[in-house]
Amino acid sequence: MPHSFGYRARTRSKFSRPYRQSGTIPLSVYLRTYKIGDYVDVAANGSVHKGMPHKYYHGRTGVVWNVTPRAVGVELSKRVNTRIVTKRIHVRIEHVKPSKCRDDFLARRKKNDEIRR
């Protein structure tokens, strides 16, 4: 058989839902508010096909630059040959979750402020 190069090629395990986590998505995913400048992790949810990011962006962290009623615009960096290009993609909120990448920094800053006083 010929080799396929489709949009979702080689994503069998990447887009599959974890064991005992298939079914309806919790409402908390939809009720979460995102603001411009928030750090988010892009992780495609295989049960929702609309607004799904390309497989390259699965697992990437970016910054919110636009908020629409059902989706957020995320700014990420992508390596293209020898340079790093900033990409802006719109992703539905089912495929995005708040990132914990700034938690350590904020805790460290809070601790340093307390020491300074």
PDB file of N, CA and C in Angstrom:
ATOM      1  N   MET A   1       0.830  -1.201   0.000  1.00  0.00           N
ATOM      2  CA  MET A   1       0.000   0.000   0.000  1.00  0.00           C
ATOM      3  C   MET A   1       0.866   1.253   0.000  1.00  0.00           C
ATOM      4  N   PRO A   2       0.390   2.309  -0.669  1.00  0.00           N
ATOM      5  CA  PRO A   2       1.183   3.544  -0.670  1.00  0.00           C
ATOM      6  C   PRO A   2       1.165   4.227   0.691  1.00  0.00           C
ATOM      7  N   HIS A   3       2.207   4.945   0.966  1.00  0.00           N
ATOM      8  CA  HIS A   3       2.344   5.653   2.244  1.00  0.00           C
ATOM      9  C   HIS A   3       1.467   6.898   2.245  1.00  0.00           C
ATOM     10  N   SER A   4       0.787   7.169   3.352  1.00  0.00           N
ATOM     11  CA  SER A   4      -0.103   8.329   3.405  1.00  0.00           C
ATOM     12  C   SER A   4       0.558   9.487   4.146  1.00  0.00           C
ATOM     13  N   PHE A   5       0.295  10.677   3.682  1.00  0.00           N
ATOM     14  CA  PHE A   5       0.864  11.881   4.275  1.00  0.00           C
ATOM     15  C   PHE A   5      -0.244  12.855   4.645  1.00  0.00           C
ATOM     16  N   GLY A   6      -1.324  12.362   5.224  1.00  0.00           N
ATOM     17  CA  GLY A   6      -2.467  13.199   5.552  1.00  0.00           C
ATOM     18  C   GLY A   6      -2.210  14.119   6.728  1.00  0.00           C
ATOM     19  N   TYR A   7      -3.199  14.966   7.007  1.00  0.00           N
ATOM     20  CA  TYR A   7      -3.101  15.965   8.072  1.00  0.00           C
ATOM     21  C   TYR A   7      -2.957  15.309   9.439  1.00  0.00           C
ATOM     22  N   ARG A   8      -3.594  14.138   9.624  1.00  0.00           N
ATOM     23  CA  ARG A   8      -3.536  13.443  10.914  1.00  0.00           C
ATOM     24  C   ARG A   8      -2.708  12.163  10.828  1.00  0.00           C
ATOM     25  N   ALA A   9      -1.801  12.084   9.890  1.00  0.00           N
ATOM     26  CA  ALA A   9      -0.986  10.884   9.731  1.00  0.00           C
ATOM     27  C   ALA A   9      -0.084  10.678  10.945  1.00  0.00           C
ATOM     28  N   ARG A  10       0.083   9.429  11.359  1.00  0.00           N
ATOM     29  CA  ARG A  10       0.945   9.025  12.485  1.00  0.00           C
ATOM     30  C   ARG A  10       0.529   9.679  13.808  1.00  0.00           C
ATOM     31  N   THR A  11      -0.775   9.746  14.058  1.00  0.00           N
ATOM     32  CA  THR A  11      -1.264  10.336  15.304  1.00  0.00           C
ATOM     33  C   THR A  11      -2.115   9.337  16.086  1.00  0.00           C
ATOM     34  N   ARG A  12      -1.935   8.049  15.852  1.00  0.00           N
ATOM     35  CA  ARG A  12      -2.792   7.042  16.482  1.00  0.00           C
ATOM     36  C   ARG A  12      -2.762   7.137  17.998  1.00  0.00           C
ATOM     37  N   SER A  13      -1.590   7.245  18.591  1.00  0.00           N
ATOM     38  CA  SER A  13      -1.513   7.322  20.055  1.00  0.00           C
ATOM     39  C   SER A  13      -1.512   8.770  20.546  1.00  0.00           C
ATOM     40  N   LYS A  14      -1.091   9.691  19.703  1.00  0.00           N
ATOM     41  CA  LYS A  14      -1.017  11.097  20.104  1.00  0.00           C
ATOM     42  C   LYS A  14      -2.391  11.687  20.370  1.00  0.00           C
ATOM     43  N   PHE A  15      -3.359  11.391  19.516  1.00  0.00           N
ATOM     44  CA  PHE A  15      -4.698  11.956  19.645  1.00  0.00           C
ATOM     45  C   PHE A  15      -5.676  11.034  20.367  1.00  0.00           C
ATOM     46  N   SER A  16      -5.240   9.851  20.785  1.00  0.00           N
ATOM     47  CA  SER A  16      -6.163   8.944  21.469  1.00  0.00           C
ATOM     48  C   SER A  16      -6.350   9.384  22.915  1.00  0.00           C
ATOM     49  N   ARG A  17      -7.553   9.156  23.438  1.00  0.00           N
ATOM     50  CA  ARG A  17      -7.865   9.539  24.818  1.00  0.00           C
ATOM     51  C   ARG A  17      -7.266   8.514  25.779  1.00  0.00           C
ATOM     52  N   PRO A  18      -6.831   8.954  26.959  1.00  0.00           N
ATOM     53  CA  PRO A  18      -6.282   8.003  27.938  1.00  0.00           C
ATOM     54  C   PRO A  18      -7.323   6.999  28.410  1.00  0.00           C
ATOM     55  N   TYR A  19      -6.858   5.932  29.005  1.00  0.00           N
ATOM     56  CA  TYR A  19      -7.731   4.876  29.513  1.00  0.00           C
ATOM     57  C   TYR A  19      -8.703   5.428  30.555  1.00  0.00           C
ATOM     58  N   ARG A  20      -9.991   5.137  30.392  1.00  0.00           N
ATOM     59  CA  ARG A  20     -11.074   5.548  31.281  1.00  0.00           C
ATOM     60  C   ARG A  20     -11.257   7.067  31.332  1.00  0.00           C
ATOM     61  N   GLN A  21     -10.832   7.765  30.304  1.00  0.00           N
ATOM     62  CA  GLN A  21     -11.062   9.209  30.243  1.00  0.00           C
ATOM     63  C   GLN A  21     -11.794   9.621  28.978  1.00  0.00           C
ATOM     64  N   SER A  22     -12.361   8.644  28.252  1.00  0.00           N
ATOM     65  CA  SER A  22     -13.166   9.003  27.083  1.00  0.00           C
ATOM     66  C   SER A  22     -14.573   9.356  27.548  1.00  0.00           C
ATOM     67  N   GLY A  23     -15.363   9.871  26.640  1.00  0.00           N
ATOM     68  CA  GLY A  23     -16.717  10.283  26.998  1.00  0.00           C
ATOM     69  C   GLY A  23     -16.843  11.795  26.987  1.00  0.00           C
ATOM     70  N   THR A  24     -17.839  12.291  27.724  1.00  0.00           N
ATOM     71  CA  THR A  24     -18.088  13.726  27.716  1.00  0.00           C
ATOM     72  C   THR A  24     -16.973  14.489  28.421  1.00  0.00           C
ATOM     73  N   ILE A  25     -16.737  15.685  27.942  1.00  0.00           N
ATOM     74  CA  ILE A  25     -15.697  16.550  28.518  1.00  0.00           C
ATOM     75  C   ILE A  25     -16.311  17.314  29.681  1.00  0.00           C
ATOM     76  N   PRO A  26     -15.622  17.452  30.817  1.00  0.00           N
ATOM     77  CA  PRO A  26     -16.183  18.179  31.962  1.00  0.00           C
ATOM     78  C   PRO A  26     -16.472  19.643  31.622  1.00  0.00           C
ATOM     79  N   LEU A  27     -17.487  20.195  32.278  1.00  0.00           N
ATOM     80  CA  LEU A  27     -17.863  21.586  32.028  1.00  0.00           C
ATOM     81  C   LEU A  27     -16.772  22.562  32.435  1.00  0.00           C
ATOM     82  N   SER A  28     -15.928  22.176  33.378  1.00  0.00           N
ATOM     83  CA  SER A  28     -14.868  23.072  33.833  1.00  0.00           C
ATOM     84  C   SER A  28     -13.921  23.454  32.699  1.00  0.00           C
ATOM     85  N   VAL A  29     -13.796  22.587  31.702  1.00  0.00           N
ATOM     86  CA  VAL A  29     -12.949  22.892  30.545  1.00  0.00           C
ATOM     87  C   VAL A  29     -13.525  24.080  29.775  1.00  0.00           C
ATOM     88  N   TYR A  30     -14.853  24.131  29.663  1.00  0.00           N
ATOM     89  CA  TYR A  30     -15.500  25.183  28.885  1.00  0.00           C
ATOM     90  C   TYR A  30     -15.669  26.474  29.690  1.00  0.00           C
ATOM     91  N   LEU A  31     -15.752  26.368  31.015  1.00  0.00           N
ATOM     92  CA  LEU A  31     -15.995  27.541  31.850  1.00  0.00           C
ATOM     93  C   LEU A  31     -14.717  28.265  32.249  1.00  0.00           C
ATOM     94  N   ARG A  32     -13.576  27.719  31.925  1.00  0.00           N
ATOM     95  CA  ARG A  32     -12.305  28.341  32.270  1.00  0.00           C
ATOM     96  C   ARG A  32     -12.101  29.598  31.434  1.00  0.00           C
ATOM     97  N   THR A  33     -11.635  30.669  32.082  1.00  0.00           N
ATOM     98  CA  THR A  33     -11.416  31.927  31.364  1.00  0.00           C
ATOM     99  C   THR A  33      -9.936  32.094  31.051  1.00  0.00           C
ATOM    100  N   TYR A  34      -9.660  32.544  29.856  1.00  0.00           N
ATOM    101  CA  TYR A  34      -8.292  32.822  29.421  1.00  0.00           C
ATOM    102  C   TYR A  34      -8.177  34.302  29.110  1.00  0.00           C
ATOM    103  N   LYS A  35      -7.059  34.888  29.500  1.00  0.00           N
ATOM    104  CA  LYS A  35      -6.803  36.288  29.227  1.00  0.00           C
ATOM    105  C   LYS A  35      -5.570  36.416  28.352  1.00  0.00           C
ATOM    106  N   ILE A  36      -5.468  37.533  27.676  1.00  0.00           N
ATOM    107  CA  ILE A  36      -4.318  37.770  26.812  1.00  0.00           C
ATOM    108  C   ILE A  36      -3.059  37.808  27.668  1.00  0.00           C
ATOM    109  N   GLY A  37      -2.048  37.073  27.256  1.00  0.00           N
ATOM    110  CA  GLY A  37      -0.800  36.999  27.999  1.00  0.00           C
ATOM    111  C   GLY A  37      -0.673  35.750  28.841  1.00  0.00           C
ATOM    112  N   ASP A  38      -1.743  34.958  28.988  1.00  0.00           N
ATOM    113  CA  ASP A  38      -1.677  33.713  29.757  1.00  0.00           C
ATOM    114  C   ASP A  38      -0.837  32.682  29.015  1.00  0.00           C
ATOM    115  N   TYR A  39      -0.112  31.870  29.781  1.00  0.00           N
ATOM    116  CA  TYR A  39       0.633  30.756  29.208  1.00  0.00           C
ATOM    117  C   TYR A  39      -0.284  29.539  29.168  1.00  0.00           C
ATOM    118  N   VAL A  40      -0.350  28.872  28.021  1.00  0.00           N
ATOM    119  CA  VAL A  40      -1.207  27.698  27.868  1.00  0.00           C
ATOM    120  C   VAL A  40      -0.434  26.570  27.197  1.00  0.00           C
ATOM    121  N   ASP A  41      -0.835  25.344  27.533  1.00  0.00           N
ATOM    122  CA  ASP A  41      -0.297  24.152  26.879  1.00  0.00           C
ATOM    123  C   ASP A  41      -1.296  23.692  25.836  1.00  0.00           C
ATOM    124  N   VAL A  42      -0.817  23.469  24.627  1.00  0.00           N
ATOM    125  CA  VAL A  42      -1.671  22.969  23.552  1.00  0.00           C
ATOM    126  C   VAL A  42      -1.593  21.451  23.582  1.00  0.00           C
ATOM    127  N   ALA A  43      -2.728  20.800  23.858  1.00  0.00           N
ATOM    128  CA  ALA A  43      -2.801  19.345  23.875  1.00  0.00           C
ATOM    129  C   ALA A  43      -4.111  18.951  23.211  1.00  0.00           C
ATOM    130  N   ALA A  44      -4.031  18.396  22.027  1.00  0.00           N
ATOM    131  CA  ALA A  44      -5.235  18.078  21.253  1.00  0.00           C
ATOM    132  C   ALA A  44      -6.071  17.019  21.957  1.00  0.00           C
ATOM    133  N   ASN A  45      -7.378  17.270  22.027  1.00  0.00           N
ATOM    134  CA  ASN A  45      -8.328  16.325  22.595  1.00  0.00           C
ATOM    135  C   ASN A  45      -8.945  15.559  21.430  1.00  0.00           C
ATOM    136  N   GLY A  46      -8.679  14.265  21.349  1.00  0.00           N
ATOM    137  CA  GLY A  46      -9.098  13.466  20.207  1.00  0.00           C
ATOM    138  C   GLY A  46     -10.589  13.332  20.036  1.00  0.00           C
ATOM    139  N   SER A  47     -11.367  13.585  21.089  1.00  0.00           N
ATOM    140  CA  SER A  47     -12.815  13.418  20.978  1.00  0.00           C
ATOM    141  C   SER A  47     -13.489  14.622  20.348  1.00  0.00           C
ATOM    142  N   VAL A  48     -12.778  15.737  20.203  1.00  0.00           N
ATOM    143  CA  VAL A  48     -13.327  16.935  19.559  1.00  0.00           C
ATOM    144  C   VAL A  48     -12.495  17.201  18.314  1.00  0.00           C
ATOM    145  N   HIS A  49     -13.153  17.134  17.157  1.00  0.00           N
ATOM    146  CA  HIS A  49     -12.412  17.290  15.908  1.00  0.00           C
ATOM    147  C   HIS A  49     -12.342  18.738  15.450  1.00  0.00           C
ATOM    148  N   LYS A  50     -13.335  19.549  15.835  1.00  0.00           N
ATOM    149  CA  LYS A  50     -13.339  20.944  15.406  1.00  0.00           C
ATOM    150  C   LYS A  50     -12.259  21.727  16.155  1.00  0.00           C
ATOM    151  N   GLY A  51     -11.595  22.604  15.454  1.00  0.00           N
ATOM    152  CA  GLY A  51     -10.614  23.484  16.074  1.00  0.00           C
ATOM    153  C   GLY A  51      -9.403  22.773  16.613  1.00  0.00           C
ATOM    154  N   MET A  52      -9.115  21.598  16.095  1.00  0.00           N
ATOM    155  CA  MET A  52      -7.969  20.815  16.576  1.00  0.00           C
ATOM    156  C   MET A  52      -6.681  21.340  15.953  1.00  0.00           C
ATOM    157  N   PRO A  53      -5.628  21.503  16.742  1.00  0.00           N
ATOM    158  CA  PRO A  53      -4.366  21.985  16.174  1.00  0.00           C
ATOM    159  C   PRO A  53      -3.664  20.886  15.384  1.00  0.00           C
ATOM    160  N   HIS A  54      -2.709  21.286  14.585  1.00  0.00           N
ATOM    161  CA  HIS A  54      -1.897  20.328  13.850  1.00  0.00           C
ATOM    162  C   HIS A  54      -1.072  19.507  14.834  1.00  0.00           C
ATOM    163  N   LYS A  55      -0.724  18.295  14.434  1.00  0.00           N
ATOM    164  CA  LYS A  55      -0.004  17.388  15.336  1.00  0.00           C
ATOM    165  C   LYS A  55       1.322  17.971  15.818  1.00  0.00           C
ATOM    166  N   TYR A  56       1.920  18.882  15.066  1.00  0.00           N
ATOM    167  CA  TYR A  56       3.193  19.474  15.483  1.00  0.00           C
ATOM    168  C   TYR A  56       3.038  20.248  16.792  1.00  0.00           C
ATOM    169  N   TYR A  57       1.903  20.910  16.978  1.00  0.00           N
ATOM    170  CA  TYR A  57       1.719  21.788  18.128  1.00  0.00           C
ATOM    171  C   TYR A  57       1.266  21.045  19.374  1.00  0.00           C
ATOM    172  N   HIS A  58       0.991  19.751  19.296  1.00  0.00           N
ATOM    173  CA  HIS A  58       0.552  18.958  20.441  1.00  0.00           C
ATOM    174  C   HIS A  58       1.675  18.891  21.478  1.00  0.00           C
ATOM    175  N   GLY A  59       1.396  19.381  22.680  1.00  0.00           N
ATOM    176  CA  GLY A  59       2.389  19.375  23.751  1.00  0.00           C
ATOM    177  C   GLY A  59       3.222  20.635  23.830  1.00  0.00           C
ATOM    178  N   ARG A  60       2.940  21.619  22.991  1.00  0.00           N
ATOM    179  CA  ARG A  60       3.717  22.862  22.996  1.00  0.00           C
ATOM    180  C   ARG A  60       3.096  23.883  23.943  1.00  0.00           C
ATOM    181  N   THR A  61       3.914  24.792  24.423  1.00  0.00           N
ATOM    182  CA  THR A  61       3.463  25.859  25.310  1.00  0.00           C
ATOM    183  C   THR A  61       3.561  27.181  24.570  1.00  0.00           C
ATOM    184  N   GLY A  62       2.511  27.999  24.705  1.00  0.00           N
ATOM    185  CA  GLY A  62       2.490  29.281  24.041  1.00  0.00           C
ATOM    186  C   GLY A  62       1.779  30.327  24.869  1.00  0.00           C
ATOM    187  N   VAL A  63       1.658  31.524  24.309  1.00  0.00           N
ATOM    188  CA  VAL A  63       1.045  32.658  24.990  1.00  0.00           C
ATOM    189  C   VAL A  63      -0.240  33.025  24.257  1.00  0.00           C
ATOM    190  N   VAL A  64      -1.301  33.302  25.027  1.00  0.00           N
ATOM    191  CA  VAL A  64      -2.578  33.687  24.436  1.00  0.00           C
ATOM    192  C   VAL A  64      -2.460  35.109  23.895  1.00  0.00           C
ATOM    193  N   TRP A  65      -2.802  35.300  22.625  1.00  0.00           N
ATOM    194  CA  TRP A  65      -2.763  36.638  22.021  1.00  0.00           C
ATOM    195  C   TRP A  65      -4.137  37.102  21.563  1.00  0.00           C
ATOM    196  N   ASN A  66      -5.126  36.183  21.540  1.00  0.00           N
ATOM    197  CA  ASN A  66      -6.473  36.547  21.102  1.00  0.00           C
ATOM    198  C   ASN A  66      -7.466  35.615  21.778  1.00  0.00           C
ATOM    199  N   VAL A  67      -8.610  36.166  22.191  1.00  0.00           N
ATOM    200  CA  VAL A  67      -9.663  35.365  22.815  1.00  0.00           C
ATOM    201  C   VAL A  67     -10.950  35.586  22.042  1.00  0.00           C
ATOM    202  N   THR A  68     -11.564  34.494  21.580  1.00  0.00           N
ATOM    203  CA  THR A  68     -12.843  34.527  20.895  1.00  0.00           C
ATOM    204  C   THR A  68     -13.834  33.713  21.721  1.00  0.00           C
ATOM    205  N   PRO A  69     -15.128  33.726  21.383  1.00  0.00           N
ATOM    206  CA  PRO A  69     -16.095  33.015  22.227  1.00  0.00           C
ATOM    207  C   PRO A  69     -15.804  31.533  22.437  1.00  0.00           C
ATOM    208  N   ARG A  70     -15.317  30.818  21.436  1.00  0.00           N
ATOM    209  CA  ARG A  70     -15.097  29.384  21.584  1.00  0.00           C
ATOM    210  C   ARG A  70     -13.639  28.961  21.458  1.00  0.00           C
ATOM    211  N   ALA A  71     -12.772  29.899  21.176  1.00  0.00           N
ATOM    212  CA  ALA A  71     -11.385  29.532  20.913  1.00  0.00           C
ATOM    213  C   ALA A  71     -10.435  30.590  21.457  1.00  0.00           C
ATOM    214  N   VAL A  72      -9.162  30.261  21.459  1.00  0.00           N
ATOM    215  CA  VAL A  72      -8.128  31.222  21.837  1.00  0.00           C
ATOM    216  C   VAL A  72      -7.049  31.209  20.765  1.00  0.00           C
ATOM    217  N   GLY A  73      -6.443  32.353  20.555  1.00  0.00           N
ATOM    218  CA  GLY A  73      -5.307  32.448  19.662  1.00  0.00           C
ATOM    219  C   GLY A  73      -4.041  32.263  20.478  1.00  0.00           C
ATOM    220  N   VAL A  74      -3.190  31.344  20.053  1.00  0.00           N
ATOM    221  CA  VAL A  74      -1.966  31.021  20.789  1.00  0.00           C
ATOM    222  C   VAL A  74      -0.770  31.331  19.912  1.00  0.00           C
ATOM    223  N   GLU A  75       0.207  31.999  20.502  1.00  0.00           N
ATOM    224  CA  GLU A  75       1.440  32.337  19.794  1.00  0.00           C
ATOM    225  C   GLU A  75       2.526  31.384  20.262  1.00  0.00           C
ATOM    226  N   LEU A  76       3.078  30.614  19.323  1.00  0.00           N
ATOM    227  CA  LEU A  76       4.102  29.618  19.632  1.00  0.00           C
ATOM    228  C   LEU A  76       5.315  29.857  18.756  1.00  0.00           C
ATOM    229  N   SER A  77       6.410  29.223  19.123  1.00  0.00           N
ATOM    230  CA  SER A  77       7.597  29.293  18.274  1.00  0.00           C
ATOM    231  C   SER A  77       7.831  27.931  17.634  1.00  0.00           C
ATOM    232  N   LYS A  78       8.225  27.964  16.372  1.00  0.00           N
ATOM    233  CA  LYS A  78       8.443  26.743  15.603  1.00  0.00           C
ATOM    234  C   LYS A  78       9.779  26.841  14.890  1.00  0.00           C
ATOM    235  N   ARG A  79      10.542  25.777  14.968  1.00  0.00           N
ATOM    236  CA  ARG A  79      11.829  25.755  14.290  1.00  0.00           C
ATOM    237  C   ARG A  79      11.618  25.364  12.836  1.00  0.00           C
ATOM    238  N   VAL A  80      12.032  26.257  11.930  1.00  0.00           N
ATOM    239  CA  VAL A  80      11.938  26.005  10.498  1.00  0.00           C
ATOM    240  C   VAL A  80      13.343  26.120   9.937  1.00  0.00           C
ATOM    241  N   ASN A  81      13.914  24.980   9.573  1.00  0.00           N
ATOM    242  CA  ASN A  81      15.294  24.888   9.099  1.00  0.00           C
ATOM    243  C   ASN A  81      16.256  25.470  10.132  1.00  0.00           C
ATOM    244  N   THR A  82      16.817  26.644   9.882  1.00  0.00           N
ATOM    245  CA  THR A  82      17.830  27.172  10.801  1.00  0.00           C
ATOM    246  C   THR A  82      17.319  28.313  11.669  1.00  0.00           C
ATOM    247  N   ARG A  83      16.051  28.670  11.530  1.00  0.00           N
ATOM    248  CA  ARG A  83      15.552  29.816  12.289  1.00  0.00           C
ATOM    249  C   ARG A  83      14.326  29.413  13.109  1.00  0.00           C
ATOM    250  N   ILE A  84      13.986  30.242  14.080  1.00  0.00           N
ATOM    251  CA  ILE A  84      12.808  30.018  14.906  1.00  0.00           C
ATOM    252  C   ILE A  84      11.771  31.063  14.519  1.00  0.00           C
ATOM    253  N   VAL A  85      10.611  30.585  14.056  1.00  0.00           N
ATOM    254  CA  VAL A  85       9.546  31.443  13.556  1.00  0.00           C
ATOM    255  C   VAL A  85       8.423  31.472  14.580  1.00  0.00           C
ATOM    256  N   THR A  86       7.843  32.641  14.815  1.00  0.00           N
ATOM    257  CA  THR A  86       6.685  32.758  15.693  1.00  0.00           C
ATOM    258  C   THR A  86       5.435  32.468  14.889  1.00  0.00           C
ATOM    259  N   LYS A  87       4.661  31.492  15.364  1.00  0.00           N
ATOM    260  CA  LYS A  87       3.432  31.092  14.681  1.00  0.00           C
ATOM    261  C   LYS A  87       2.235  31.485  15.540  1.00  0.00           C
ATOM    262  N   ARG A  88       1.163  31.924  14.905  1.00  0.00           N
ATOM    263  CA  ARG A  88      -0.071  32.264  15.602  1.00  0.00           C
ATOM    264  C   ARG A  88      -1.170  31.340  15.104  1.00  0.00           C
ATOM    265  N   ILE A  89      -1.738  30.559  16.022  1.00  0.00           N
ATOM    266  CA  ILE A  89      -2.785  29.623  15.637  1.00  0.00           C
ATOM    267  C   ILE A  89      -4.008  29.857  16.511  1.00  0.00           C
ATOM    268  N   HIS A  90      -5.178  29.556  15.975  1.00  0.00           N
ATOM    269  CA  HIS A  90      -6.412  29.584  16.747  1.00  0.00           C
ATOM    270  C   HIS A  90      -6.796  28.149  17.077  1.00  0.00           C
ATOM    271  N   VAL A  91      -7.042  27.894  18.350  1.00  0.00           N
ATOM    272  CA  VAL A  91      -7.351  26.556  18.826  1.00  0.00           C
ATOM    273  C   VAL A  91      -8.583  26.631  19.711  1.00  0.00           C
ATOM    274  N   ARG A  92      -9.507  25.687  19.567  1.00  0.00           N
ATOM    275  CA  ARG A  92     -10.663  25.656  20.457  1.00  0.00           C
ATOM    276  C   ARG A  92     -10.218  25.323  21.869  1.00  0.00           C
ATOM    277  N   ILE A  93     -11.009  25.783  22.851  1.00  0.00           N
ATOM    278  CA  ILE A  93     -10.560  25.673  24.246  1.00  0.00           C
ATOM    279  C   ILE A  93     -10.522  24.242  24.753  1.00  0.00           C
ATOM    280  N   GLU A  94     -11.122  23.288  24.041  1.00  0.00           N
ATOM    281  CA  GLU A  94     -11.010  21.887  24.448  1.00  0.00           C
ATOM    282  C   GLU A  94      -9.579  21.375  24.287  1.00  0.00           C
ATOM    283  N   HIS A  95      -8.817  22.013  23.430  1.00  0.00           N
ATOM    284  CA  HIS A  95      -7.468  21.548  23.122  1.00  0.00           C
ATOM    285  C   HIS A  95      -6.387  22.362  23.839  1.00  0.00           C
ATOM    286  N   VAL A  96      -6.794  23.141  24.842  1.00  0.00           N
ATOM    287  CA  VAL A  96      -5.862  24.038  25.536  1.00  0.00           C
ATOM    288  C   VAL A  96      -6.082  23.908  27.036  1.00  0.00           C
ATOM    289  N   LYS A  97      -4.993  23.992  27.809  1.00  0.00           N
ATOM    290  CA  LYS A  97      -5.120  24.017  29.265  1.00  0.00           C
ATOM    291  C   LYS A  97      -4.097  24.990  29.828  1.00  0.00           C
ATOM    292  N   PRO A  98      -4.390  25.586  30.988  1.00  0.00           N
ATOM    293  CA  PRO A  98      -3.436  26.547  31.560  1.00  0.00           C
ATOM    294  C   PRO A  98      -2.110  25.864  31.869  1.00  0.00           C
ATOM    295  N   SER A  99      -1.031  26.546  31.557  1.00  0.00           N
ATOM    296  CA  SER A  99       0.301  25.980  31.765  1.00  0.00           C
ATOM    297  C   SER A  99       0.782  26.238  33.186  1.00  0.00           C
ATOM    298  N   LYS A 100       1.601  25.328  33.673  1.00  0.00           N
ATOM    299  CA  LYS A 100       2.187  25.480  35.007  1.00  0.00           C
ATOM    300  C   LYS A 100       3.634  25.937  34.918  1.00  0.00           C
ATOM    301  N   CYS A 101       4.036  26.435  33.738  1.00  0.00           N
ATOM    302  CA  CYS A 101       5.431  26.800  33.534  1.00  0.00           C
ATOM    303  C   CYS A 101       5.840  28.031  34.350  1.00  0.00           C
ATOM    304  N   ARG A 102       4.877  28.883  34.729  1.00  0.00           N
ATOM    305  CA  ARG A 102       5.209  30.091  35.486  1.00  0.00           C
ATOM    306  C   ARG A 102       5.033  29.924  36.986  1.00  0.00           C
ATOM    307  N   ASP A 103       4.493  28.799  37.437  1.00  0.00           N
ATOM    308  CA  ASP A 103       4.215  28.603  38.864  1.00  0.00           C
ATOM    309  C   ASP A 103       5.477  28.714  39.715  1.00  0.00           C
ATOM    310  N   ASP A 104       6.559  28.074  39.286  1.00  0.00           N
ATOM    311  CA  ASP A 104       7.806  28.123  40.045  1.00  0.00           C
ATOM    312  C   ASP A 104       8.352  29.546  40.113  1.00  0.00           C
ATOM    313  N   PHE A 105       8.278  30.263  38.990  1.00  0.00           N
ATOM    314  CA  PHE A 105       8.768  31.631  38.965  1.00  0.00           C
ATOM    315  C   PHE A 105       7.965  32.522  39.901  1.00  0.00           C
ATOM    316  N   LEU A 106       6.629  32.404  39.863  1.00  0.00           N
ATOM    317  CA  LEU A 106       5.782  33.234  40.716  1.00  0.00           C
ATOM    318  C   LEU A 106       5.996  32.920  42.194  1.00  0.00           C
ATOM    319  N   ALA A 107       6.176  31.648  42.524  1.00  0.00           N
ATOM    320  CA  ALA A 107       6.438  31.269  43.916  1.00  0.00           C
ATOM    321  C   ALA A 107       7.785  31.825  44.376  1.00  0.00           C
ATOM    322  N   ARG A 108       8.792  31.759  43.497  1.00  0.00           N
ATOM    323  CA  ARG A 108      10.115  32.281  43.836  1.00  0.00           C
ATOM    324  C   ARG A 108      10.070  33.792  44.028  1.00  0.00           C
ATOM    325  N   ARG A 109       9.320  34.487  43.165  1.00  0.00           N
ATOM    326  CA  ARG A 109       9.199  35.936  43.280  1.00  0.00           C
ATOM    327  C   ARG A 109       8.488  36.321  44.574  1.00  0.00           C
ATOM    328  N   LYS A 110       7.448  35.580  44.930  1.00  0.00           N
ATOM    329  CA  LYS A 110       6.714  35.858  46.160  1.00  0.00           C
ATOM    330  C   LYS A 110       7.608  35.648  47.384  1.00  0.00           C
ATOM    331  N   LYS A 111       8.402  34.578  47.350  1.00  0.00           N
ATOM    332  CA  LYS A 111       9.312  34.296  48.461  1.00  0.00           C
ATOM    333  C   LYS A 111      10.370  35.386  48.594  1.00  0.00           C
ATOM    334  N   ASN A 112      10.908  35.842  47.465  1.00  0.00           N
ATOM    335  CA  ASN A 112      11.917  36.897  47.500  1.00  0.00           C
ATOM    336  C   ASN A 112      11.350  38.212  48.011  1.00  0.00           C
ATOM    337  N   ASP A 113      10.087  38.512  47.660  1.00  0.00           N
ATOM    338  CA  ASP A 113       9.450  39.716  48.160  1.00  0.00           C
ATOM    339  C   ASP A 113       9.272  39.671  49.667  1.00  0.00           C
ATOM    340  N   GLU A 114       8.929  38.510  50.195  1.00  0.00           N
ATOM    341  CA  GLU A 114       8.766  38.355  51.651  1.00  0.00           C
ATOM    342  C   GLU A 114      10.115  38.519  52.361  1.00  0.00           C
ATOM    343  N   ILE A 115      11.166  38.000  51.764  1.00  0.00           N
ATOM    344  CA  ILE A 115      12.508  38.116  52.363  1.00  0.00           C
ATOM    345  C   ILE A 115      12.934  39.580  52.377  1.00  0.00           C
ATOM    346  N   ARG A 116      12.610  40.331  51.334  1.00  0.00           N
ATOM    347  CA  ARG A 116      13.010  41.715  51.214  1.00  0.00           C
ATOM    348  C   ARG A 116      12.359  42.601  52.273  1.00  0.00           C
ATOM    349  N   ARG A 117      11.160  42.256  52.696  1.00  0.00           N
ATOM    350  CA  ARG A 117      10.437  43.082  53.677  1.00  0.00           C
ATOM    351  C   ARG A 117      10.953  42.967  55.073  1.00  0.00           C
TER     352      ARG A 117
END
